[in-house]
C-alpha atoms as a PDB file:
ATOM      1  CA  MET A   1      -0.945 -64.800  25.305  1.00  0.00           C
ATOM      2  CA  SER A   2      -1.536 -61.629  23.315  1.00  0.00           C
ATOM      3  CA  SER A   3       1.350 -60.252  21.276  1.00  0.00           C
ATOM      4  CA  GLN A   4       0.137 -56.722  22.151  1.00  0.00           C
ATOM      5  CA  GLN A   5       0.127 -57.289  25.925  1.00  0.00           C
ATOM      6  CA  ASN A   6       3.131 -55.057  26.637  1.00  0.00           C
ATOM      7  CA  ASN A   7       2.458 -52.485  23.910  1.00  0.00           C
ATOM      8  CA  PRO A   8       1.459 -49.221  25.649  1.00  0.00           C
ATOM      9  CA  LEU A   9      -0.156 -47.994  22.422  1.00  0.00           C
ATOM     10  CA  HIS A  10      -2.411 -51.044  22.013  1.00  0.00           C
ATOM     11  CA  GLY A  11      -5.994 -49.833  21.734  1.00  0.00           C
ATOM     12  CA  LYS A  12      -4.984 -46.154  21.505  1.00  0.00           C
ATOM     13  CA  ARG A  13      -6.193 -44.277  18.463  1.00  0.00           C
ATOM     14  CA  LEU A  14      -3.903 -41.788  16.755  1.00  0.00           C
ATOM     15  CA  ASP A  15      -6.408 -38.969  17.271  1.00  0.00           C
ATOM     16  CA  ALA A  16      -6.505 -39.641  21.030  1.00  0.00           C
ATOM     17  CA  ILE A  17      -2.703 -39.749  21.192  1.00  0.00           C
ATOM     18  CA  LEU A  18      -2.410 -36.471  19.315  1.00  0.00           C
ATOM     19  CA  GLU A  19      -5.073 -34.756  21.441  1.00  0.00           C
ATOM     20  CA  GLU A  20      -3.343 -35.796  24.681  1.00  0.00           C
ATOM     21  CA  LEU A  21       0.030 -34.580  23.418  1.00  0.00           C
ATOM     22  CA  GLN A  22      -1.469 -31.302  22.215  1.00  0.00           C
ATOM     23  CA  GLN A  23      -3.084 -30.740  25.627  1.00  0.00           C
ATOM     24  CA  GLU A  24       0.180 -31.539  27.392  1.00  0.00           C
ATOM     25  CA  PHE A  25       2.582 -29.508  25.242  1.00  0.00           C
ATOM     26  CA  GLY A  26       0.493 -27.228  23.015  1.00  0.00           C
ATOM     27  CA  TRP A  27       1.239 -26.822  19.323  1.00  0.00           C
ATOM     28  CA  ASN A  28       4.439 -24.843  19.955  1.00  0.00           C
ATOM     29  CA  GLY A  29       5.714 -27.512  22.331  1.00  0.00           C
ATOM     30  CA  LEU A  30       4.970 -30.246  19.821  1.00  0.00           C
ATOM     31  CA  ALA A  31       6.733 -28.280  17.078  1.00  0.00           C
ATOM     32  CA  ASP A  32       9.765 -27.887  19.366  1.00  0.00           C
ATOM     33  CA  ARG A  33       9.891 -31.616  20.037  1.00  0.00           C
ATOM     34  CA  ILE A  34       8.968 -32.896  16.555  1.00  0.00           C
ATOM     35  CA  ASN A  35      10.078 -30.716  13.662  1.00  0.00           C
ATOM     36  CA  VAL A  36       7.174 -31.053  11.222  1.00  0.00           C
ATOM     37  CA  ASN A  37       5.193 -28.291   9.532  1.00  0.00           C
ATOM     38  CA  CYS A  38       1.816 -29.710  10.561  1.00  0.00           C
ATOM     39  CA  PHE A  39       2.640 -28.586  14.120  1.00  0.00           C
ATOM     40  CA  LYS A  40       4.147 -25.238  13.058  1.00  0.00           C
ATOM     41  CA  SER A  41       2.009 -23.757  10.289  1.00  0.00           C
ATOM     42  CA  ASP A  42      -1.704 -23.298  11.109  1.00  0.00           C
ATOM     43  CA  PRO A  43      -1.877 -26.514  13.174  1.00  0.00           C
ATOM     44  CA  SER A  44      -5.063 -28.473  13.791  1.00  0.00           C
ATOM     45  CA  ILE A  45      -5.890 -31.999  14.855  1.00  0.00           C
ATOM     46  CA  LYS A  46      -7.469 -32.730  11.458  1.00  0.00           C
ATOM     47  CA  SER A  47      -4.521 -31.539   9.350  1.00  0.00           C
ATOM     48  CA  SER A  48      -1.996 -33.191  11.655  1.00  0.00           C
ATOM     49  CA  LEU A  49      -3.837 -36.519  11.503  1.00  0.00           C
ATOM     50  CA  LYS A  50      -3.927 -36.367   7.707  1.00  0.00           C
ATOM     51  CA  PHE A  51      -0.152 -35.812   7.588  1.00  0.00           C
ATOM     52  CA  LEU A  52       0.703 -38.382  10.264  1.00  0.00           C
ATOM     53  CA  ARG A  53      -1.407 -41.110   8.660  1.00  0.00           C
ATOM     54  CA  LYS A  54       0.566 -40.883   5.417  1.00  0.00           C
ATOM     55  CA  THR A  55       4.015 -40.204   6.925  1.00  0.00           C
ATOM     56  CA  PRO A  56       5.236 -43.212   8.940  1.00  0.00           C
ATOM     57  CA  TRP A  57       8.447 -41.630  10.255  1.00  0.00           C
ATOM     58  CA  ALA A  58       6.511 -38.671  11.701  1.00  0.00           C
ATOM     59  CA  ARG A  59       3.890 -40.949  13.224  1.00  0.00           C
ATOM     60  CA  ASP A  60       6.679 -42.992  14.820  1.00  0.00           C
ATOM     61  CA  LYS A  61       8.057 -39.827  16.415  1.00  0.00           C
ATOM     62  CA  VAL A  62       4.614 -38.861  17.753  1.00  0.00           C
ATOM     63  CA  GLU A  63       4.073 -42.339  19.177  1.00  0.00           C
ATOM     64  CA  GLN A  64       7.527 -42.308  20.773  1.00  0.00           C
ATOM     65  CA  LEU A  65       6.872 -38.911  22.353  1.00  0.00           C
ATOM     66  CA  TYR A  66       3.567 -40.248  23.703  1.00  0.00           C
ATOM     67  CA  THR A  67       5.156 -43.315  25.287  1.00  0.00           C
ATOM     68  CA  ASP A  68       8.034 -41.265  26.691  1.00  0.00           C
ATOM     69  CA  THR A  69       5.575 -38.777  28.188  1.00  0.00           C
ATOM     70  CA  PHE A  70       2.686 -40.888  29.429  1.00  0.00           C
ATOM     71  CA  CYS A  71       3.881 -44.503  29.666  1.00  0.00           C
ATOM     72  CA  ARG A  72       6.930 -44.316  31.865  1.00  0.00           C
ATOM     73  CA  VAL A  73       7.456 -47.255  34.170  1.00  0.00           C
ATOM     74  CA  ASP A  74       8.435 -46.473  37.751  1.00  0.00           C
ATOM     75  CA  PRO A  75      11.291 -48.954  38.447  1.00  0.00           C
ATOM     76  CA  TRP A  76      10.661 -48.766  42.202  1.00  0.00           C
ATOM     77  CA  GLY A  77       6.916 -49.256  42.042  1.00  0.00           C
ATOM     78  CA  SER A  78       4.233 -46.716  42.788  1.00  0.00           C
ATOM     79  CA  GLY A  79       5.340 -46.237  46.410  1.00  0.00           C
ATOM     80  CA  ARG A  80       8.421 -44.123  45.657  1.00  0.00           C
END
């Protein structure tokens, strides 16, 4: 049994996560949800990735926002 079986981020690259979040919320929406300058001041995918790769607490917040946004489990199944 794989230890990553229930990890919704398994196999997801940080750049893909960031691009999906940016498309969903825009840079202003990301800055509102996660208070970091890389989303506020002249934001780009490249500069944000550079910051997130060397700042674990910020990356954790981005990953949490991703799972909260895109990986919700419907407790009643897909029929409700």
